[in-house]
C-alpha atoms as a PDB file:
ATOM      1  CA  UNK A   1      97.720  27.604 -11.816  1.00  0.00           C
ATOM      2  CA  UNK A   2      95.506  24.623 -11.152  1.00  0.00           C
ATOM      3  CA  UNK A   3      95.344  20.886 -11.742  1.00  0.00           C
ATOM      4  CA  UNK A   4      94.598  21.388 -15.463  1.00  0.00           C
ATOM      5  CA  UNK A   5      97.181  24.087 -16.135  1.00  0.00           C
ATOM      6  CA  UNK A   6     100.325  23.413 -18.152  1.00  0.00           C
ATOM      7  CA  UNK A   7     102.210  25.718 -15.781  1.00  0.00           C
ATOM      8  CA  UNK A   8     102.182  23.956 -12.465  1.00  0.00           C
ATOM      9  CA  UNK A   9     102.514  25.128  -8.909  1.00  0.00           C
ATOM     10  CA  UNK A  10     105.532  23.736  -7.014  1.00  0.00           C
ATOM     11  CA  UNK A  11     103.206  21.447  -5.045  1.00  0.00           C
ATOM     12  CA  UNK A  12     101.466  20.036  -8.123  1.00  0.00           C
ATOM     13  CA  UNK A  13     104.842  19.640  -9.836  1.00  0.00           C
ATOM     14  CA  UNK A  14     106.272  17.656  -6.884  1.00  0.00           C
ATOM     15  CA  UNK A  15     103.076  15.620  -6.501  1.00  0.00           C
ATOM     16  CA  UNK A  16     103.688  14.201  -9.987  1.00  0.00           C
ATOM     17  CA  UNK A  17     106.983  12.683  -8.806  1.00  0.00           C
ATOM     18  CA  UNK A  18     105.314  11.236  -5.701  1.00  0.00           C
ATOM     19  CA  UNK A  19     102.359   9.821  -7.625  1.00  0.00           C
ATOM     20  CA  UNK A  20     104.431   8.195 -10.361  1.00  0.00           C
ATOM     21  CA  UNK A  21     107.018   6.966  -7.859  1.00  0.00           C
ATOM     22  CA  UNK A  22     104.232   5.338  -5.836  1.00  0.00           C
ATOM     23  CA  UNK A  23     102.726   3.842  -8.981  1.00  0.00           C
ATOM     24  CA  UNK A  24     106.097   2.348  -9.984  1.00  0.00           C
ATOM     25  CA  UNK A  25     106.448   0.790  -6.521  1.00  0.00           C
ATOM     26  CA  UNK A  26     102.912  -0.601  -6.717  1.00  0.00           C
ATOM     27  CA  UNK A  27     103.462  -2.113 -10.166  1.00  0.00           C
ATOM     28  CA  UNK A  28     106.836  -3.562  -9.157  1.00  0.00           C
ATOM     29  CA  UNK A  29     105.261  -5.084  -6.045  1.00  0.00           C
ATOM     30  CA  UNK A  30     102.329  -6.557  -7.966  1.00  0.00           C
ATOM     31  CA  UNK A  31     104.531  -7.912 -10.721  1.00  0.00           C
ATOM     32  CA  UNK A  32     107.091  -9.403  -8.313  1.00  0.00           C
ATOM     33  CA  UNK A  33     104.301 -11.351  -6.641  1.00  0.00           C
ATOM     34  CA  UNK A  34     103.953 -13.402  -9.834  1.00  0.00           C
ATOM     35  CA  UNK A  35     107.608 -13.255 -10.951  1.00  0.00           C
ATOM     36  CA  UNK A  36     109.185 -15.492  -8.312  1.00  0.00           C
ATOM     37  CA  UNK A  37     109.610 -18.466 -10.684  1.00  0.00           C
ATOM     38  CA  UNK A  38     110.927 -16.194 -13.481  1.00  0.00           C
ATOM     39  CA  UNK A  39     113.211 -13.459 -12.056  1.00  0.00           C
ATOM     40  CA  UNK A  40     115.249 -13.068 -15.268  1.00  0.00           C
ATOM     41  CA  UNK A  41     112.075 -12.642 -17.330  1.00  0.00           C
ATOM     42  CA  UNK A  42     110.743 -10.114 -14.835  1.00  0.00           C
ATOM     43  CA  UNK A  43     113.969  -8.089 -14.960  1.00  0.00           C
ATOM     44  CA  UNK A  44     114.052  -8.270 -18.767  1.00  0.00           C
ATOM     45  CA  UNK A  45     110.466  -6.974 -18.931  1.00  0.00           C
ATOM     46  CA  UNK A  46     111.264  -4.145 -16.502  1.00  0.00           C
ATOM     47  CA  UNK A  47     114.316  -3.094 -18.545  1.00  0.00           C
ATOM     48  CA  UNK A  48     112.377  -3.427 -21.810  1.00  0.00           C
ATOM     49  CA  UNK A  49     109.761  -1.063 -20.377  1.00  0.00           C
ATOM     50  CA  UNK A  50     112.482   1.423 -19.446  1.00  0.00           C
ATOM     51  CA  UNK A  51     113.841   1.243 -23.020  1.00  0.00           C
ATOM     52  CA  UNK A  52     110.320   1.567 -24.423  1.00  0.00           C
ATOM     53  CA  UNK A  53     109.855   4.759 -22.430  1.00  0.00           C
ATOM     54  CA  UNK A  54     113.045   6.235 -23.904  1.00  0.00           C
ATOM     55  CA  UNK A  55     111.702   5.602 -27.426  1.00  0.00           C
ATOM     56  CA  UNK A  56     108.285   7.069 -26.526  1.00  0.00           C
ATOM     57  CA  UNK A  57     110.021  10.125 -25.031  1.00  0.00           C
ATOM     58  CA  UNK A  58     112.069  10.692 -28.186  1.00  0.00           C
ATOM     59  CA  UNK A  59     109.162  10.184 -30.609  1.00  0.00           C
ATOM     60  CA  UNK A  60     106.726  12.374 -28.671  1.00  0.00           C
ATOM     61  CA  UNK A  61     109.273  15.149 -28.180  1.00  0.00           C
ATOM     62  CA  UNK A  62     110.484  15.160 -31.772  1.00  0.00           C
ATOM     63  CA  UNK A  63     107.311  14.520 -33.748  1.00  0.00           C
ATOM     64  CA  UNK A  64     104.459  15.676 -31.488  1.00  0.00           C
ATOM     65  CA  UNK A  65     105.888  18.507 -29.364  1.00  0.00           C
ATOM     66  CA  UNK A  66     107.977  19.911 -32.222  1.00  0.00           C
ATOM     67  CA  UNK A  67     105.713  18.992 -35.107  1.00  0.00           C
ATOM     68  CA  UNK A  68     101.966  18.975 -34.426  1.00  0.00           C
ATOM     69  CA  UNK A  69      99.760  21.906 -33.410  1.00  0.00           C
ATOM     70  CA  UNK A  70      98.540  22.737 -30.786  1.00  0.00           C
ATOM     71  CA  UNK A  71     101.264  20.724 -28.989  1.00  0.00           C
ATOM     72  CA  UNK A  72     104.020  22.572 -30.842  1.00  0.00           C
ATOM     73  CA  UNK A  73     102.660  25.940 -29.678  1.00  0.00           C
ATOM     74  CA  UNK A  74     102.221  24.711 -26.094  1.00  0.00           C
ATOM     75  CA  UNK A  75     105.751  23.283 -26.056  1.00  0.00           C
ATOM     76  CA  UNK A  76     107.132  26.574 -27.403  1.00  0.00           C
ATOM     77  CA  UNK A  77     106.125  28.138 -24.084  1.00  0.00           C
ATOM     78  CA  UNK A  78     108.502  25.721 -22.344  1.00  0.00           C
ATOM     79  CA  UNK A  79     111.291  26.753 -24.715  1.00  0.00           C
ATOM     80  CA  UNK A  80     110.521  30.435 -24.068  1.00  0.00           C
ATOM     81  CA  UNK A  81     110.382  29.961 -20.275  1.00  0.00           C
ATOM     82  CA  UNK A  82     112.646  26.969 -19.546  1.00  0.00           C
ATOM     83  CA  UNK A  83     112.809  27.524 -15.775  1.00  0.00           C
ATOM     84  CA  UNK A  84     109.024  27.571 -15.348  1.00  0.00           C
ATOM     85  CA  UNK A  85     107.431  24.430 -13.911  1.00  0.00           C
ATOM     86  CA  UNK A  86     105.665  23.661 -17.164  1.00  0.00           C
ATOM     87  CA  UNK A  87     104.457  20.244 -18.275  1.00  0.00           C
ATOM     88  CA  UNK A  88     101.574  17.896 -18.887  1.00  0.00           C
ATOM     89  CA  UNK A  89      99.287  17.729 -15.832  1.00  0.00           C
ATOM     90  CA  UNK A  90      98.947  14.337 -14.175  1.00  0.00           C
ATOM     91  CA  UNK A  91      95.205  14.381 -14.871  1.00  0.00           C
ATOM     92  CA  UNK A  92      96.136  14.088 -18.564  1.00  0.00           C
ATOM     93  CA  UNK A  93      99.345  12.040 -18.433  1.00  0.00           C
ATOM     94  CA  UNK A  94      97.933   9.239 -16.287  1.00  0.00           C
ATOM     95  CA  UNK A  95      94.990   8.415 -18.620  1.00  0.00           C
ATOM     96  CA  UNK A  96      97.362   8.645 -21.606  1.00  0.00           C
ATOM     97  CA  UNK A  97      99.713   6.112 -20.034  1.00  0.00           C
ATOM     98  CA  UNK A  98      96.783   3.867 -19.133  1.00  0.00           C
ATOM     99  CA  UNK A  99      95.093   4.047 -22.542  1.00  0.00           C
ATOM    100  CA  UNK A 100      98.008   4.306 -24.948  1.00  0.00           C
ATOM    101  CA  UNK A 101     100.596   2.132 -23.191  1.00  0.00           C
ATOM    102  CA  UNK A 102      99.150  -0.161 -20.523  1.00  0.00           C
ATOM    103  CA  UNK A 103      95.939  -1.147 -22.314  1.00  0.00           C
ATOM    104  CA  UNK A 104      97.714  -2.207 -25.550  1.00  0.00           C
ATOM    105  CA  UNK A 105     100.317  -4.132 -23.501  1.00  0.00           C
ATOM    106  CA  UNK A 106      97.532  -5.826 -21.561  1.00  0.00           C
ATOM    107  CA  UNK A 107      95.650  -6.820 -24.730  1.00  0.00           C
ATOM    108  CA  UNK A 108      98.780  -8.037 -26.527  1.00  0.00           C
ATOM    109  CA  UNK A 109     100.646  -9.739 -23.657  1.00  0.00           C
ATOM    110  CA  UNK A 110      98.283 -10.328 -20.749  1.00  0.00           C
ATOM    111  CA  UNK A 111      98.467  -9.029 -17.197  1.00  0.00           C
ATOM    112  CA  UNK A 112     101.696 -10.452 -15.790  1.00  0.00           C
ATOM    113  CA  UNK A 113     104.105  -9.421 -18.560  1.00  0.00           C
ATOM    114  CA  UNK A 114     102.367  -6.037 -18.786  1.00  0.00           C
ATOM    115  CA  UNK A 115     102.918  -5.138 -15.128  1.00  0.00           C
ATOM    116  CA  UNK A 116     106.748  -5.137 -15.132  1.00  0.00           C
ATOM    117  CA  UNK A 117     106.782  -3.591 -18.624  1.00  0.00           C
ATOM    118  CA  UNK A 118     104.547  -0.766 -17.425  1.00  0.00           C
ATOM    119  CA  UNK A 119     106.608  -0.404 -14.243  1.00  0.00           C
ATOM    120  CA  UNK A 120     109.669   0.054 -16.472  1.00  0.00           C
ATOM    121  CA  UNK A 121     107.877   2.603 -18.676  1.00  0.00           C
ATOM    122  CA  UNK A 122     106.804   4.629 -15.651  1.00  0.00           C
ATOM    123  CA  UNK A 123     110.249   4.304 -14.039  1.00  0.00           C
ATOM    124  CA  UNK A 124     111.651   5.686 -17.296  1.00  0.00           C
ATOM    125  CA  UNK A 125     109.134   8.531 -17.177  1.00  0.00           C
ATOM    126  CA  UNK A 126     110.157   9.250 -13.594  1.00  0.00           C
ATOM    127  CA  UNK A 127     113.837   9.260 -14.600  1.00  0.00           C
ATOM    128  CA  UNK A 128     112.991  11.553 -17.531  1.00  0.00           C
ATOM    129  CA  UNK A 129     111.202  13.904 -15.120  1.00  0.00           C
ATOM    130  CA  UNK A 130     114.236  13.976 -12.851  1.00  0.00           C
ATOM    131  CA  UNK A 131     116.677  14.499 -15.741  1.00  0.00           C
ATOM    132  CA  UNK A 132     114.503  17.248 -17.215  1.00  0.00           C
ATOM    133  CA  UNK A 133     114.080  18.943 -13.846  1.00  0.00           C
ATOM    134  CA  UNK A 134     117.824  18.886 -13.211  1.00  0.00           C
ATOM    135  CA  UNK A 135     118.547  20.116 -16.744  1.00  0.00           C
ATOM    136  CA  UNK A 136     116.465  23.227 -16.106  1.00  0.00           C
ATOM    137  CA  UNK A 137     116.643  23.764 -12.357  1.00  0.00           C
ATOM    138  CA  UNK A 138     120.057  22.257 -11.530  1.00  0.00           C
ATOM    139  CA  UNK A 139     121.012  21.311  -8.007  1.00  0.00           C
ATOM    140  CA  UNK A 140     123.048  24.212  -6.629  1.00  0.00           C
ATOM    141  CA  UNK A 141     125.911  26.473  -7.541  1.00  0.00           C
ATOM    142  CA  UNK A 142     128.119  24.809  -4.890  1.00  0.00           C
ATOM    143  CA  UNK A 143     127.402  21.273  -6.137  1.00  0.00           C
ATOM    144  CA  UNK A 144     126.197  21.265  -9.745  1.00  0.00           C
ATOM    145  CA  UNK A 145     125.538  17.519  -9.744  1.00  0.00           C
ATOM    146  CA  UNK A 146     126.931  14.215 -10.920  1.00  0.00           C
ATOM    147  CA  UNK A 147     128.655  13.869 -14.283  1.00  0.00           C
ATOM    148  CA  UNK A 148     125.645  12.172 -15.954  1.00  0.00           C
ATOM    149  CA  UNK A 149     123.455  15.100 -14.967  1.00  0.00           C
ATOM    150  CA  UNK A 150     125.897  17.664 -16.338  1.00  0.00           C
ATOM    151  CA  UNK A 151     126.084  15.742 -19.641  1.00  0.00           C
ATOM    152  CA  UNK A 152     122.271  15.624 -19.880  1.00  0.00           C
ATOM    153  CA  UNK A 153     122.096  19.316 -18.976  1.00  0.00           C
ATOM    154  CA  UNK A 154     124.538  20.296 -21.760  1.00  0.00           C
ATOM    155  CA  UNK A 155     122.694  18.013 -24.208  1.00  0.00           C
ATOM    156  CA  UNK A 156     119.327  19.554 -23.361  1.00  0.00           C
ATOM    157  CA  UNK A 157     120.763  23.096 -23.473  1.00  0.00           C
ATOM    158  CA  UNK A 158     121.906  22.325 -27.022  1.00  0.00           C
ATOM    159  CA  UNK A 159     118.300  21.411 -27.860  1.00  0.00           C
ATOM    160  CA  UNK A 160     116.979  24.584 -26.228  1.00  0.00           C
ATOM    161  CA  UNK A 161     119.588  26.597 -28.143  1.00  0.00           C
ATOM    162  CA  UNK A 162     117.406  26.371 -31.237  1.00  0.00           C
ATOM    163  CA  UNK A 163     118.848  23.251 -32.810  1.00  0.00           C
ATOM    164  CA  UNK A 164     116.603  20.638 -34.411  1.00  0.00           C
ATOM    165  CA  UNK A 165     118.523  18.037 -32.437  1.00  0.00           C
ATOM    166  CA  UNK A 166     118.919  16.399 -29.038  1.00  0.00           C
ATOM    167  CA  UNK A 167     115.268  15.428 -28.505  1.00  0.00           C
ATOM    168  CA  UNK A 168     116.061  12.759 -25.932  1.00  0.00           C
ATOM    169  CA  UNK A 169     116.132  14.213 -22.454  1.00  0.00           C
ATOM    170  CA  UNK A 170     116.920  11.151 -20.365  1.00  0.00           C
ATOM    171  CA  UNK A 171     119.160   9.529 -22.987  1.00  0.00           C
ATOM    172  CA  UNK A 172     120.762  10.424 -26.298  1.00  0.00           C
ATOM    173  CA  UNK A 173     120.596   6.873 -27.679  1.00  0.00           C
ATOM    174  CA  UNK A 174     117.678   7.465 -30.066  1.00  0.00           C
ATOM    175  CA  UNK A 175     119.151  10.793 -31.214  1.00  0.00           C
ATOM    176  CA  UNK A 176     122.410   9.028 -32.064  1.00  0.00           C
ATOM    177  CA  UNK A 177     120.644   6.156 -33.833  1.00  0.00           C
ATOM    178  CA  UNK A 178     118.274   8.417 -35.773  1.00  0.00           C
ATOM    179  CA  UNK A 179     120.743  11.168 -36.695  1.00  0.00           C
ATOM    180  CA  UNK A 180     119.498  13.981 -34.470  1.00  0.00           C
ATOM    181  CA  UNK A 181     122.335  13.914 -31.940  1.00  0.00           C
ATOM    182  CA  UNK A 182     124.707  16.695 -31.005  1.00  0.00           C
ATOM    183  CA  UNK A 183     127.083  17.267 -33.897  1.00  0.00           C
ATOM    184  CA  UNK A 184     130.445  18.949 -33.443  1.00  0.00           C
ATOM    185  CA  UNK A 185     130.658  22.305 -35.172  1.00  0.00           C
ATOM    186  CA  UNK A 186     126.949  22.964 -34.754  1.00  0.00           C
ATOM    187  CA  UNK A 187     126.121  25.559 -32.141  1.00  0.00           C
END
């Protein structure tokens, strides 16, 4: 296991949370510096970024990780070994976020709207990471977690049960809107 491996060491896995958490705080701080005259616009941009992340998460999981080789094969390892600390290394995810999300936002909207939007996207990614971690690792047998976590865990277990459904990890909104949600009567 190293910095380029899909299976991560516990330290590398935790470092991802610290790095992205720090990056969210930095972007929030930078964007707040300019947002003082427009707090409602700043909050709207932050929330829009969070929503944008949820759509990115759904689309990548459904159409890339379950549809395009070699990503489909790499993601199958996660399905085969769901408790392993397996995921995209930060050395790949960070340039992808910068090039495929932040750069287009910057070109289309300029710096100041892009900062809170990107902070929201990365906050969403951080929340996804937490939800996904808890879905696979749980908290403890004595305290399984809050109700939202248990719902996300059951939702994600349905996905890992072999169903072509429940692609959203942090939210089921896009699954419900696009017809891939958990359906009663389906295992």
